[in-house]
């Protein structure tokens, strides 16, 4: 028997194993990538080699995190638009460049006691 004539083998004798990703695997890879799992973890979870993951799931690996970030961003913007104060403050500081500033002219030194206050004011007059 010659292996080269068997349709399940290549001419070099290596088995002809063609990987066909399922839609479920594609969905899983995109979800795993989106939550920040590293590629070796994703490959282990769907039980394939790392090279196979990179070859057949390149698109899912590339857009998984971006898609999750977009979904979270949309939810956050909805909170800002609905009037969530903490979200609005964060947005104005990080996206609009607003800053909290302390005007040195407004700083007031509060005395420890009224006696200290009166003593300080008497020496100035």
PDB file of N, CA and C in Angstrom:
ATOM      1  N   UNK A   1       0.838  -1.165   0.000  1.00  0.00           N
ATOM      2  CA  UNK A   1       0.000   0.000   0.000  1.00  0.00           C
ATOM      3  C   UNK A   1       0.891   1.238   0.000  1.00  0.00           C
ATOM      4  N   UNK A   2       0.642   2.142  -0.901  1.00  0.00           N
ATOM      5  CA  UNK A   2       1.393   3.390  -0.922  1.00  0.00           C
ATOM      6  C   UNK A   2       0.518   4.499  -0.351  1.00  0.00           C
ATOM      7  N   UNK A   3       1.092   5.193   0.584  1.00  0.00           N
ATOM      8  CA  UNK A   3       0.348   6.237   1.275  1.00  0.00           C
ATOM      9  C   UNK A   3      -0.019   7.367   0.325  1.00  0.00           C
ATOM     10  N   UNK A   4       0.839   7.662  -0.638  1.00  0.00           N
ATOM     11  CA  UNK A   4       0.617   8.781  -1.552  1.00  0.00           C
ATOM     12  C   UNK A   4      -0.673   8.622  -2.352  1.00  0.00           C
ATOM     13  N   UNK A   5      -1.130   7.421  -2.581  1.00  0.00           N
ATOM     14  CA  UNK A   5      -2.347   7.219  -3.354  1.00  0.00           C
ATOM     15  C   UNK A   5      -3.612   7.293  -2.486  1.00  0.00           C
ATOM     16  N   UNK A   6      -3.442   7.284  -1.206  1.00  0.00           N
ATOM     17  CA  UNK A   6      -4.588   7.353  -0.304  1.00  0.00           C
ATOM     18  C   UNK A   6      -5.052   8.799  -0.259  1.00  0.00           C
ATOM     19  N   UNK A   7      -6.331   9.050  -0.480  1.00  0.00           N
ATOM     20  CA  UNK A   7      -6.808  10.428  -0.540  1.00  0.00           C
ATOM     21  C   UNK A   7      -6.808  11.130   0.819  1.00  0.00           C
ATOM     22  N   UNK A   8      -6.564  10.415   1.893  1.00  0.00           N
ATOM     23  CA  UNK A   8      -6.488  11.025   3.220  1.00  0.00           C
ATOM     24  C   UNK A   8      -5.070  11.463   3.591  1.00  0.00           C
ATOM     25  N   UNK A   9      -4.141  11.352   2.642  1.00  0.00           N
ATOM     26  CA  UNK A   9      -2.750  11.721   2.906  1.00  0.00           C
ATOM     27  C   UNK A   9      -2.210  12.589   1.775  1.00  0.00           C
ATOM     28  N   UNK A  10      -1.263  13.451   2.120  1.00  0.00           N
ATOM     29  CA  UNK A  10      -0.556  14.233   1.109  1.00  0.00           C
ATOM     30  C   UNK A  10       0.478  13.339   0.451  1.00  0.00           C
ATOM     31  N   UNK A  11       1.058  13.807  -0.654  1.00  0.00           N
ATOM     32  CA  UNK A  11       2.077  13.033  -1.359  1.00  0.00           C
ATOM     33  C   UNK A  11       3.303  12.779  -0.503  1.00  0.00           C
ATOM     34  N   UNK A  12       3.573  13.660   0.464  1.00  0.00           N
ATOM     35  CA  UNK A  12       4.742  13.491   1.327  1.00  0.00           C
ATOM     36  C   UNK A  12       4.467  12.523   2.483  1.00  0.00           C
ATOM     37  N   UNK A  13       3.278  11.942   2.510  1.00  0.00           N
ATOM     38  CA  UNK A  13       2.945  10.962   3.536  1.00  0.00           C
ATOM     39  C   UNK A  13       2.294  11.548   4.775  1.00  0.00           C
ATOM     40  N   UNK A  14       2.200  12.873   4.841  1.00  0.00           N
ATOM     41  CA  UNK A  14       1.569  13.507   5.990  1.00  0.00           C
ATOM     42  C   UNK A  14       0.048  13.403   5.865  1.00  0.00           C
ATOM     43  N   UNK A  15      -0.634  13.237   6.984  1.00  0.00           N
ATOM     44  CA  UNK A  15      -2.090  13.128   6.917  1.00  0.00           C
ATOM     45  C   UNK A  15      -2.721  14.430   6.435  1.00  0.00           C
ATOM     46  N   UNK A  16      -3.779  14.295   5.672  1.00  0.00           N
ATOM     47  CA  UNK A  16      -4.509  15.450   5.164  1.00  0.00           C
ATOM     48  C   UNK A  16      -5.609  15.788   6.173  1.00  0.00           C
ATOM     49  N   UNK A  17      -5.228  16.626   7.124  1.00  0.00           N
ATOM     50  CA  UNK A  17      -6.179  17.028   8.149  1.00  0.00           C
ATOM     51  C   UNK A  17      -6.538  18.481   7.889  1.00  0.00           C
ATOM     52  N   UNK A  18      -7.742  18.708   7.459  1.00  0.00           N
ATOM     53  CA  UNK A  18      -8.201  20.058   7.184  1.00  0.00           C
ATOM     54  C   UNK A  18      -9.059  20.502   8.346  1.00  0.00           C
ATOM     55  N   UNK A  19      -8.712  21.649   8.905  1.00  0.00           N
ATOM     56  CA  UNK A  19      -9.474  22.188  10.024  1.00  0.00           C
ATOM     57  C   UNK A  19     -10.573  23.083   9.479  1.00  0.00           C
ATOM     58  N   UNK A  20     -11.782  22.842   9.910  1.00  0.00           N
ATOM     59  CA  UNK A  20     -12.922  23.657   9.507  1.00  0.00           C
ATOM     60  C   UNK A  20     -13.565  24.260  10.756  1.00  0.00           C
ATOM     61  N   UNK A  21     -13.286  25.542  11.033  1.00  0.00           N
ATOM     62  CA  UNK A  21     -13.839  26.166  12.234  1.00  0.00           C
ATOM     63  C   UNK A  21     -15.364  26.245  12.175  1.00  0.00           C
ATOM     64  N   UNK A  22     -15.994  26.035  13.308  1.00  0.00           N
ATOM     65  CA  UNK A  22     -17.448  26.165  13.388  1.00  0.00           C
ATOM     66  C   UNK A  22     -17.807  27.595  13.786  1.00  0.00           C
ATOM     67  N   UNK A  23     -19.045  27.964  13.572  1.00  0.00           N
ATOM     68  CA  UNK A  23     -19.516  29.291  13.985  1.00  0.00           C
ATOM     69  C   UNK A  23     -19.438  29.427  15.506  1.00  0.00           C
ATOM     70  N   UNK A  24     -19.716  28.336  16.211  1.00  0.00           N
ATOM     71  CA  UNK A  24     -19.627  28.361  17.670  1.00  0.00           C
ATOM     72  C   UNK A  24     -18.197  28.666  18.110  1.00  0.00           C
ATOM     73  N   UNK A  25     -17.206  28.048  17.447  1.00  0.00           N
ATOM     74  CA  UNK A  25     -15.804  28.313  17.782  1.00  0.00           C
ATOM     75  C   UNK A  25     -15.448  29.769  17.489  1.00  0.00           C
ATOM     76  N   UNK A  26     -15.928  30.282  16.367  1.00  0.00           N
ATOM     77  CA  UNK A  26     -15.641  31.679  16.007  1.00  0.00           C
ATOM     78  C   UNK A  26     -16.220  32.628  17.066  1.00  0.00           C
ATOM     79  N   UNK A  27     -17.441  32.356  17.493  1.00  0.00           N
ATOM     80  CA  UNK A  27     -18.081  33.167  18.527  1.00  0.00           C
ATOM     81  C   UNK A  27     -17.306  33.088  19.831  1.00  0.00           C
ATOM     82  N   UNK A  28     -16.895  31.871  20.192  1.00  0.00           N
ATOM     83  CA  UNK A  28     -16.136  31.682  21.436  1.00  0.00           C
ATOM     84  C   UNK A  28     -14.810  32.417  21.396  1.00  0.00           C
ATOM     85  N   UNK A  29     -14.085  32.307  20.284  1.00  0.00           N
ATOM     86  CA  UNK A  29     -12.781  32.971  20.166  1.00  0.00           C
ATOM     87  C   UNK A  29     -12.949  34.483  20.286  1.00  0.00           C
ATOM     88  N   UNK A  30     -13.968  35.035  19.631  1.00  0.00           N
ATOM     89  CA  UNK A  30     -14.182  36.471  19.698  1.00  0.00           C
ATOM     90  C   UNK A  30     -14.512  36.889  21.137  1.00  0.00           C
ATOM     91  N   UNK A  31     -15.338  36.111  21.810  1.00  0.00           N
ATOM     92  CA  UNK A  31     -15.703  36.422  23.195  1.00  0.00           C
ATOM     93  C   UNK A  31     -14.488  36.318  24.115  1.00  0.00           C
ATOM     94  N   UNK A  32     -13.711  35.254  23.970  1.00  0.00           N
ATOM     95  CA  UNK A  32     -12.518  35.073  24.811  1.00  0.00           C
ATOM     96  C   UNK A  32     -11.499  36.181  24.575  1.00  0.00           C
ATOM     97  N   UNK A  33     -11.316  36.543  23.325  1.00  0.00           N
ATOM     98  CA  UNK A  33     -10.395  37.637  23.002  1.00  0.00           C
ATOM     99  C   UNK A  33     -10.910  38.942  23.601  1.00  0.00           C
ATOM    100  N   UNK A  34     -12.211  39.127  23.553  1.00  0.00           N
ATOM    101  CA  UNK A  34     -12.823  40.343  24.057  1.00  0.00           C
ATOM    102  C   UNK A  34     -12.669  40.546  25.549  1.00  0.00           C
ATOM    103  N   UNK A  35     -12.597  39.463  26.291  1.00  0.00           N
ATOM    104  CA  UNK A  35     -12.445  39.606  27.739  1.00  0.00           C
ATOM    105  C   UNK A  35     -10.985  39.585  28.164  1.00  0.00           C
ATOM    106  N   UNK A  36     -10.078  39.513  27.188  1.00  0.00           N
ATOM    107  CA  UNK A  36      -8.663  39.677  27.495  1.00  0.00           C
ATOM    108  C   UNK A  36      -7.854  38.407  27.678  1.00  0.00           C
ATOM    109  N   UNK A  37      -8.422  37.246  27.324  1.00  0.00           N
ATOM    110  CA  UNK A  37      -7.613  36.031  27.422  1.00  0.00           C
ATOM    111  C   UNK A  37      -6.494  36.074  26.390  1.00  0.00           C
ATOM    112  N   UNK A  38      -5.340  35.521  26.741  1.00  0.00           N
ATOM    113  CA  UNK A  38      -4.236  35.478  25.791  1.00  0.00           C
ATOM    114  C   UNK A  38      -4.458  34.313  24.828  1.00  0.00           C
ATOM    115  N   UNK A  39      -3.786  34.367  23.687  1.00  0.00           N
ATOM    116  CA  UNK A  39      -4.033  33.402  22.627  1.00  0.00           C
ATOM    117  C   UNK A  39      -3.799  31.956  23.049  1.00  0.00           C
ATOM    118  N   UNK A  40      -2.790  31.707  23.862  1.00  0.00           N
ATOM    119  CA  UNK A  40      -2.540  30.324  24.280  1.00  0.00           C
ATOM    120  C   UNK A  40      -3.697  29.793  25.132  1.00  0.00           C
ATOM    121  N   UNK A  41      -4.313  30.665  25.927  1.00  0.00           N
ATOM    122  CA  UNK A  41      -5.466  30.246  26.720  1.00  0.00           C
ATOM    123  C   UNK A  41      -6.665  29.948  25.818  1.00  0.00           C
ATOM    124  N   UNK A  42      -6.870  30.792  24.830  1.00  0.00           N
ATOM    125  CA  UNK A  42      -7.984  30.595  23.899  1.00  0.00           C
ATOM    126  C   UNK A  42      -7.804  29.285  23.144  1.00  0.00           C
ATOM    127  N   UNK A  43      -6.591  29.037  22.660  1.00  0.00           N
ATOM    128  CA  UNK A  43      -6.312  27.784  21.937  1.00  0.00           C
ATOM    129  C   UNK A  43      -6.608  26.582  22.821  1.00  0.00           C
ATOM    130  N   UNK A  44      -6.223  26.648  24.074  1.00  0.00           N
ATOM    131  CA  UNK A  44      -6.491  25.544  25.005  1.00  0.00           C
ATOM    132  C   UNK A  44      -7.981  25.345  25.211  1.00  0.00           C
ATOM    133  N   UNK A  45      -8.712  26.437  25.328  1.00  0.00           N
ATOM    134  CA  UNK A  45     -10.151  26.333  25.576  1.00  0.00           C
ATOM    135  C   UNK A  45     -10.907  25.698  24.416  1.00  0.00           C
ATOM    136  N   UNK A  46     -10.469  25.971  23.190  1.00  0.00           N
ATOM    137  CA  UNK A  46     -11.186  25.354  22.066  1.00  0.00           C
ATOM    138  C   UNK A  46     -10.442  24.132  21.524  1.00  0.00           C
ATOM    139  N   UNK A  47      -9.390  23.737  22.254  1.00  0.00           N
ATOM    140  CA  UNK A  47      -8.665  22.491  21.995  1.00  0.00           C
ATOM    141  C   UNK A  47      -8.028  22.420  20.609  1.00  0.00           C
ATOM    142  N   UNK A  48      -7.286  23.489  20.273  1.00  0.00           N
ATOM    143  CA  UNK A  48      -6.517  23.498  19.027  1.00  0.00           C
ATOM    144  C   UNK A  48      -5.123  24.036  19.301  1.00  0.00           C
ATOM    145  N   UNK A  49      -4.238  23.846  18.349  1.00  0.00           N
ATOM    146  CA  UNK A  49      -2.876  24.355  18.439  1.00  0.00           C
ATOM    147  C   UNK A  49      -2.877  25.869  18.256  1.00  0.00           C
ATOM    148  N   UNK A  50      -1.910  26.523  18.866  1.00  0.00           N
ATOM    149  CA  UNK A  50      -1.799  27.981  18.784  1.00  0.00           C
ATOM    150  C   UNK A  50      -1.665  28.457  17.333  1.00  0.00           C
ATOM    151  N   UNK A  51      -0.890  27.731  16.525  1.00  0.00           N
ATOM    152  CA  UNK A  51      -0.728  28.118  15.116  1.00  0.00           C
ATOM    153  C   UNK A  51      -2.046  28.001  14.362  1.00  0.00           C
ATOM    154  N   UNK A  52      -2.818  26.987  14.681  1.00  0.00           N
ATOM    155  CA  UNK A  52      -4.126  26.799  14.039  1.00  0.00           C
ATOM    156  C   UNK A  52      -5.065  27.934  14.438  1.00  0.00           C
ATOM    157  N   UNK A  53      -5.023  28.314  15.706  1.00  0.00           N
ATOM    158  CA  UNK A  53      -5.843  29.433  16.177  1.00  0.00           C
ATOM    159  C   UNK A  53      -5.523  30.683  15.370  1.00  0.00           C
ATOM    160  N   UNK A  54      -4.242  31.006  15.258  1.00  0.00           N
ATOM    161  CA  UNK A  54      -3.832  32.226  14.549  1.00  0.00           C
ATOM    162  C   UNK A  54      -4.178  32.181  13.069  1.00  0.00           C
ATOM    163  N   UNK A  55      -4.093  31.004  12.477  1.00  0.00           N
ATOM    164  CA  UNK A  55      -4.357  30.862  11.044  1.00  0.00           C
ATOM    165  C   UNK A  55      -5.843  30.991  10.723  1.00  0.00           C
ATOM    166  N   UNK A  56      -6.696  30.333  11.491  1.00  0.00           N
ATOM    167  CA  UNK A  56      -8.107  30.246  11.149  1.00  0.00           C
ATOM    168  C   UNK A  56      -9.001  31.248  11.885  1.00  0.00           C
ATOM    169  N   UNK A  57      -8.469  31.916  12.907  1.00  0.00           N
ATOM    170  CA  UNK A  57      -9.285  32.827  13.700  1.00  0.00           C
ATOM    171  C   UNK A  57      -8.663  34.225  13.796  1.00  0.00           C
ATOM    172  N   UNK A  58      -7.890  34.605  12.790  1.00  0.00           N
ATOM    173  CA  UNK A  58      -7.204  35.901  12.823  1.00  0.00           C
ATOM    174  C   UNK A  58      -8.180  37.054  13.035  1.00  0.00           C
ATOM    175  N   UNK A  59      -9.270  37.058  12.279  1.00  0.00           N
ATOM    176  CA  UNK A  59     -10.251  38.146  12.362  1.00  0.00           C
ATOM    177  C   UNK A  59     -10.856  38.214  13.763  1.00  0.00           C
ATOM    178  N   UNK A  60     -11.250  37.083  14.302  1.00  0.00           N
ATOM    179  CA  UNK A  60     -11.870  37.052  15.628  1.00  0.00           C
ATOM    180  C   UNK A  60     -10.900  37.523  16.711  1.00  0.00           C
ATOM    181  N   UNK A  61      -9.635  37.137  16.575  1.00  0.00           N
ATOM    182  CA  UNK A  61      -8.622  37.582  17.535  1.00  0.00           C
ATOM    183  C   UNK A  61      -8.419  39.095  17.450  1.00  0.00           C
ATOM    184  N   UNK A  62      -8.433  39.611  16.224  1.00  0.00           N
ATOM    185  CA  UNK A  62      -8.172  41.034  16.018  1.00  0.00           C
ATOM    186  C   UNK A  62      -9.315  41.931  16.483  1.00  0.00           C
ATOM    187  N   UNK A  63     -10.559  41.494  16.284  1.00  0.00           N
ATOM    188  CA  UNK A  63     -11.672  42.399  16.592  1.00  0.00           C
ATOM    189  C   UNK A  63     -12.387  42.092  17.908  1.00  0.00           C
ATOM    190  N   UNK A  64     -12.054  41.000  18.555  1.00  0.00           N
ATOM    191  CA  UNK A  64     -12.739  40.638  19.796  1.00  0.00           C
ATOM    192  C   UNK A  64     -12.667  41.716  20.853  1.00  0.00           C
ATOM    193  N   UNK A  65     -11.466  42.189  21.141  1.00  0.00           N
ATOM    194  CA  UNK A  65     -11.282  43.213  22.183  1.00  0.00           C
ATOM    195  C   UNK A  65     -11.915  44.535  21.753  1.00  0.00           C
ATOM    196  N   UNK A  66     -11.747  44.899  20.491  1.00  0.00           N
ATOM    197  CA  UNK A  66     -12.323  46.152  20.004  1.00  0.00           C
ATOM    198  C   UNK A  66     -13.845  46.127  20.114  1.00  0.00           C
ATOM    199  N   UNK A  67     -14.448  45.006  19.800  1.00  0.00           N
ATOM    200  CA  UNK A  67     -15.900  44.881  19.869  1.00  0.00           C
ATOM    201  C   UNK A  67     -16.379  45.019  21.324  1.00  0.00           C
ATOM    202  N   UNK A  68     -15.696  44.379  22.250  1.00  0.00           N
ATOM    203  CA  UNK A  68     -16.058  44.494  23.666  1.00  0.00           C
ATOM    204  C   UNK A  68     -15.889  45.925  24.141  1.00  0.00           C
ATOM    205  N   UNK A  69     -14.773  46.564  23.773  1.00  0.00           N
ATOM    206  CA  UNK A  69     -14.556  47.958  24.164  1.00  0.00           C
ATOM    207  C   UNK A  69     -15.657  48.862  23.618  1.00  0.00           C
ATOM    208  N   UNK A  70     -16.084  48.610  22.390  1.00  0.00           N
ATOM    209  CA  UNK A  70     -17.155  49.419  21.793  1.00  0.00           C
ATOM    210  C   UNK A  70     -18.467  49.231  22.548  1.00  0.00           C
ATOM    211  N   UNK A  71     -18.781  48.007  22.922  1.00  0.00           N
ATOM    212  CA  UNK A  71     -20.020  47.734  23.659  1.00  0.00           C
ATOM    213  C   UNK A  71     -19.998  48.397  25.036  1.00  0.00           C
ATOM    214  N   UNK A  72     -18.868  48.288  25.727  1.00  0.00           N
ATOM    215  CA  UNK A  72     -18.738  48.913  27.048  1.00  0.00           C
ATOM    216  C   UNK A  72     -18.787  50.434  26.910  1.00  0.00           C
ATOM    217  N   UNK A  73     -18.117  50.951  25.896  1.00  0.00           N
ATOM    218  CA  UNK A  73     -18.138  52.392  25.658  1.00  0.00           C
ATOM    219  C   UNK A  73     -19.542  52.907  25.402  1.00  0.00           C
ATOM    220  N   UNK A  74     -20.318  52.168  24.620  1.00  0.00           N
ATOM    221  CA  UNK A  74     -21.686  52.576  24.330  1.00  0.00           C
ATOM    222  C   UNK A  74     -22.528  52.608  25.605  1.00  0.00           C
ATOM    223  N   UNK A  75     -22.362  51.589  26.444  1.00  0.00           N
ATOM    224  CA  UNK A  75     -23.089  51.546  27.710  1.00  0.00           C
ATOM    225  C   UNK A  75     -22.699  52.726  28.594  1.00  0.00           C
ATOM    226  N   UNK A  76     -21.415  53.038  28.614  1.00  0.00           N
ATOM    227  CA  UNK A  76     -20.935  54.155  29.427  1.00  0.00           C
ATOM    228  C   UNK A  76     -21.503  55.482  28.922  1.00  0.00           C
ATOM    229  N   UNK A  77     -21.495  55.687  27.616  1.00  0.00           N
ATOM    230  CA  UNK A  77     -22.016  56.931  27.050  1.00  0.00           C
ATOM    231  C   UNK A  77     -23.503  57.068  27.378  1.00  0.00           C
ATOM    232  N   UNK A  78     -24.225  55.968  27.378  1.00  0.00           N
ATOM    233  CA  UNK A  78     -25.645  56.013  27.750  1.00  0.00           C
ATOM    234  C   UNK A  78     -25.806  56.469  29.202  1.00  0.00           C
ATOM    235  N   UNK A  79     -24.900  56.019  30.087  1.00  0.00           N
ATOM    236  CA  UNK A  79     -24.935  56.469  31.486  1.00  0.00           C
ATOM    237  C   UNK A  79     -24.659  57.968  31.567  1.00  0.00           C
ATOM    238  N   UNK A  80     -23.689  58.444  30.795  1.00  0.00           N
ATOM    239  CA  UNK A  80     -23.362  59.872  30.791  1.00  0.00           C
ATOM    240  C   UNK A  80     -24.586  60.670  30.330  1.00  0.00           C
ATOM    241  N   UNK A  81     -25.193  60.232  29.234  1.00  0.00           N
ATOM    242  CA  UNK A  81     -26.339  60.951  28.681  1.00  0.00           C
ATOM    243  C   UNK A  81     -27.551  60.911  29.606  1.00  0.00           C
ATOM    244  N   UNK A  82     -27.655  59.871  30.416  1.00  0.00           N
ATOM    245  CA  UNK A  82     -28.803  59.774  31.326  1.00  0.00           C
ATOM    246  C   UNK A  82     -28.607  60.615  32.581  1.00  0.00           C
ATOM    247  N   UNK A  83     -27.417  61.217  32.745  1.00  0.00           N
ATOM    248  CA  UNK A  83     -27.189  62.117  33.857  1.00  0.00           C
ATOM    249  C   UNK A  83     -26.441  61.527  35.033  1.00  0.00           C
ATOM    250  N   UNK A  84     -25.819  60.380  34.865  1.00  0.00           N
ATOM    251  CA  UNK A  84     -25.036  59.783  35.951  1.00  0.00           C
ATOM    252  C   UNK A  84     -23.852  60.707  36.246  1.00  0.00           C
ATOM    253  N   UNK A  85     -23.863  61.326  37.417  1.00  0.00           N
ATOM    254  CA  UNK A  85     -22.893  62.364  37.759  1.00  0.00           C
ATOM    255  C   UNK A  85     -21.450  61.872  37.728  1.00  0.00           C
ATOM    256  N   UNK A  86     -21.184  60.724  38.325  1.00  0.00           N
ATOM    257  CA  UNK A  86     -19.805  60.211  38.344  1.00  0.00           C
ATOM    258  C   UNK A  86     -19.307  59.959  36.921  1.00  0.00           C
ATOM    259  N   UNK A  87     -20.168  59.408  36.094  1.00  0.00           N
ATOM    260  CA  UNK A  87     -19.787  59.150  34.701  1.00  0.00           C
ATOM    261  C   UNK A  87     -19.539  60.451  33.948  1.00  0.00           C
ATOM    262  N   UNK A  88     -20.372  61.446  34.215  1.00  0.00           N
ATOM    263  CA  UNK A  88     -20.204  62.747  33.550  1.00  0.00           C
ATOM    264  C   UNK A  88     -18.877  63.393  33.949  1.00  0.00           C
ATOM    265  N   UNK A  89     -18.553  63.316  35.228  1.00  0.00           N
ATOM    266  CA  UNK A  89     -17.287  63.893  35.702  1.00  0.00           C
ATOM    267  C   UNK A  89     -16.115  63.183  35.033  1.00  0.00           C
ATOM    268  N   UNK A  90     -16.154  61.853  35.010  1.00  0.00           N
ATOM    269  CA  UNK A  90     -15.065  61.097  34.376  1.00  0.00           C
ATOM    270  C   UNK A  90     -14.945  61.473  32.913  1.00  0.00           C
ATOM    271  N   UNK A  91     -16.059  61.567  32.203  1.00  0.00           N
ATOM    272  CA  UNK A  91     -16.053  61.878  30.768  1.00  0.00           C
ATOM    273  C   UNK A  91     -15.443  63.258  30.522  1.00  0.00           C
ATOM    274  N   UNK A  92     -15.876  64.247  31.301  1.00  0.00           N
ATOM    275  CA  UNK A  92     -15.359  65.594  31.065  1.00  0.00           C
ATOM    276  C   UNK A  92     -13.859  65.680  31.325  1.00  0.00           C
ATOM    277  N   UNK A  93     -13.375  64.926  32.301  1.00  0.00           N
ATOM    278  CA  UNK A  93     -11.941  64.954  32.600  1.00  0.00           C
ATOM    279  C   UNK A  93     -11.120  64.192  31.569  1.00  0.00           C
ATOM    280  N   UNK A  94     -11.577  63.006  31.166  1.00  0.00           N
ATOM    281  CA  UNK A  94     -10.753  62.164  30.294  1.00  0.00           C
ATOM    282  C   UNK A  94     -10.967  62.414  28.810  1.00  0.00           C
ATOM    283  N   UNK A  95     -12.173  62.852  28.442  1.00  0.00           N
ATOM    284  CA  UNK A  95     -12.461  63.014  27.022  1.00  0.00           C
ATOM    285  C   UNK A  95     -12.506  64.470  26.571  1.00  0.00           C
ATOM    286  N   UNK A  96     -12.765  65.362  27.519  1.00  0.00           N
ATOM    287  CA  UNK A  96     -12.893  66.772  27.172  1.00  0.00           C
ATOM    288  C   UNK A  96     -11.733  67.609  27.708  1.00  0.00           C
ATOM    289  N   UNK A  97     -10.865  66.992  28.502  1.00  0.00           N
ATOM    290  CA  UNK A  97      -9.699  67.699  29.013  1.00  0.00           C
ATOM    291  C   UNK A  97      -9.965  68.633  30.173  1.00  0.00           C
ATOM    292  N   UNK A  98     -11.137  68.554  30.770  1.00  0.00           N
ATOM    293  CA  UNK A  98     -11.446  69.418  31.912  1.00  0.00           C
ATOM    294  C   UNK A  98     -10.612  68.988  33.106  1.00  0.00           C
ATOM    295  N   UNK A  99     -10.268  69.953  33.951  1.00  0.00           N
ATOM    296  CA  UNK A  99      -9.465  69.665  35.133  1.00  0.00           C
ATOM    297  C   UNK A  99     -10.044  70.417  36.323  1.00  0.00           C
ATOM    298  N   UNK A 100      -9.820  69.860  37.480  1.00  0.00           N
ATOM    299  CA  UNK A 100     -10.174  70.570  38.701  1.00  0.00           C
ATOM    300  C   UNK A 100      -8.976  71.434  39.071  1.00  0.00           C
ATOM    301  N   UNK A 101      -9.218  72.723  39.229  1.00  0.00           N
ATOM    302  CA  UNK A 101      -8.134  73.629  39.595  1.00  0.00           C
ATOM    303  C   UNK A 101      -8.489  74.319  40.898  1.00  0.00           C
ATOM    304  N   UNK A 102      -7.469  74.579  41.690  1.00  0.00           N
ATOM    305  CA  UNK A 102      -7.640  75.323  42.925  1.00  0.00           C
ATOM    306  C   UNK A 102      -7.057  76.702  42.699  1.00  0.00           C
ATOM    307  N   UNK A 103      -7.885  77.710  42.882  1.00  0.00           N
ATOM    308  CA  UNK A 103      -7.425  79.085  42.719  1.00  0.00           C
ATOM    309  C   UNK A 103      -6.736  79.515  44.013  1.00  0.00           C
ATOM    310  N   UNK A 104      -5.438  79.799  43.954  1.00  0.00           N
ATOM    311  CA  UNK A 104      -4.715  80.160  45.181  1.00  0.00           C
ATOM    312  C   UNK A 104      -5.304  81.378  45.875  1.00  0.00           C
ATOM    313  N   UNK A 105      -5.995  82.244  45.166  1.00  0.00           N
ATOM    314  CA  UNK A 105      -6.575  83.440  45.778  1.00  0.00           C
ATOM    315  C   UNK A 105      -7.749  83.085  46.681  1.00  0.00           C
ATOM    316  N   UNK A 106      -8.297  81.921  46.545  1.00  0.00           N
ATOM    317  CA  UNK A 106      -9.467  81.537  47.321  1.00  0.00           C
ATOM    318  C   UNK A 106      -9.090  80.720  48.554  1.00  0.00           C
ATOM    319  N   UNK A 107      -7.865  80.286  48.661  1.00  0.00           N
ATOM    320  CA  UNK A 107      -7.453  79.456  49.793  1.00  0.00           C
ATOM    321  C   UNK A 107      -7.523  80.274  51.072  1.00  0.00           C
ATOM    322  N   UNK A 108      -8.173  79.735  52.070  1.00  0.00           N
ATOM    323  CA  UNK A 108      -8.337  80.422  53.350  1.00  0.00           C
ATOM    324  C   UNK A 108      -7.685  79.582  54.433  1.00  0.00           C
ATOM    325  N   UNK A 109      -6.837  80.212  55.222  1.00  0.00           N
ATOM    326  CA  UNK A 109      -6.248  79.520  56.362  1.00  0.00           C
ATOM    327  C   UNK A 109      -7.184  79.672  57.548  1.00  0.00           C
ATOM    328  N   UNK A 110      -7.692  78.584  58.020  1.00  0.00           N
ATOM    329  CA  UNK A 110      -8.623  78.601  59.137  1.00  0.00           C
ATOM    330  C   UNK A 110      -7.821  78.435  60.426  1.00  0.00           C
ATOM    331  N   UNK A 111      -7.990  79.383  61.364  1.00  0.00           N
ATOM    332  CA  UNK A 111      -7.239  79.288  62.620  1.00  0.00           C
ATOM    333  C   UNK A 111      -7.757  78.132  63.469  1.00  0.00           C
ATOM    334  N   UNK A 112      -6.902  77.660  64.360  1.00  0.00           N
ATOM    335  CA  UNK A 112      -7.279  76.556  65.231  1.00  0.00           C
ATOM    336  C   UNK A 112      -8.330  76.983  66.254  1.00  0.00           C
ATOM    337  N   UNK A 113      -8.266  78.229  66.644  1.00  0.00           N
ATOM    338  CA  UNK A 113      -9.225  78.723  67.643  1.00  0.00           C
ATOM    339  C   UNK A 113      -9.534  80.183  67.349  1.00  0.00           C
ATOM    340  N   UNK A 114     -10.594  80.675  67.968  1.00  0.00           N
ATOM    341  CA  UNK A 114     -10.935  82.082  67.804  1.00  0.00           C
ATOM    342  C   UNK A 114      -9.874  82.989  68.424  1.00  0.00           C
ATOM    343  N   UNK A 115      -9.246  82.517  69.509  1.00  0.00           N
ATOM    344  CA  UNK A 115      -8.179  83.309  70.128  1.00  0.00           C
ATOM    345  C   UNK A 115      -7.037  83.540  69.145  1.00  0.00           C
ATOM    346  N   UNK A 116      -6.669  82.478  68.390  1.00  0.00           N
ATOM    347  CA  UNK A 116      -5.616  82.625  67.381  1.00  0.00           C
ATOM    348  C   UNK A 116      -6.057  83.601  66.291  1.00  0.00           C
ATOM    349  N   UNK A 117      -7.317  83.518  65.905  1.00  0.00           N
ATOM    350  CA  UNK A 117      -7.843  84.407  64.867  1.00  0.00           C
ATOM    351  C   UNK A 117      -7.735  85.858  65.299  1.00  0.00           C
ATOM    352  N   UNK A 118      -8.216  86.150  66.530  1.00  0.00           N
ATOM    353  CA  UNK A 118      -8.180  87.523  67.012  1.00  0.00           C
ATOM    354  C   UNK A 118      -6.742  87.994  67.217  1.00  0.00           C
ATOM    355  N   UNK A 119      -5.871  87.116  67.679  1.00  0.00           N
ATOM    356  CA  UNK A 119      -4.474  87.487  67.896  1.00  0.00           C
ATOM    357  C   UNK A 119      -3.813  87.850  66.587  1.00  0.00           C
ATOM    358  N   UNK A 120      -4.067  87.072  65.528  1.00  0.00           N
ATOM    359  CA  UNK A 120      -3.478  87.360  64.215  1.00  0.00           C
ATOM    360  C   UNK A 120      -4.008  88.666  63.661  1.00  0.00           C
ATOM    361  N   UNK A 121      -5.293  88.947  63.840  1.00  0.00           N
ATOM    362  CA  UNK A 121      -5.901  90.154  63.295  1.00  0.00           C
ATOM    363  C   UNK A 121      -5.513  91.410  64.057  1.00  0.00           C
ATOM    364  N   UNK A 122      -5.230  91.314  65.342  1.00  0.00           N
ATOM    365  CA  UNK A 122      -4.823  92.467  66.128  1.00  0.00           C
ATOM    366  C   UNK A 122      -3.436  92.950  65.738  1.00  0.00           C
ATOM    367  N   UNK A 123      -2.539  92.014  65.395  1.00  0.00           N
ATOM    368  CA  UNK A 123      -1.187  92.414  65.054  1.00  0.00           C
ATOM    369  C   UNK A 123      -1.131  93.052  63.674  1.00  0.00           C
ATOM    370  N   UNK A 124      -2.116  92.776  62.822  1.00  0.00           N
ATOM    371  CA  UNK A 124      -2.110  93.343  61.475  1.00  0.00           C
ATOM    372  C   UNK A 124      -2.624  94.771  61.453  1.00  0.00           C
ATOM    373  N   UNK A 125      -3.410  95.200  62.460  1.00  0.00           N
ATOM    374  CA  UNK A 125      -3.990  96.537  62.430  1.00  0.00           C
ATOM    375  C   UNK A 125      -3.057  97.610  62.906  1.00  0.00           C
TER     376      UNK A 125
END
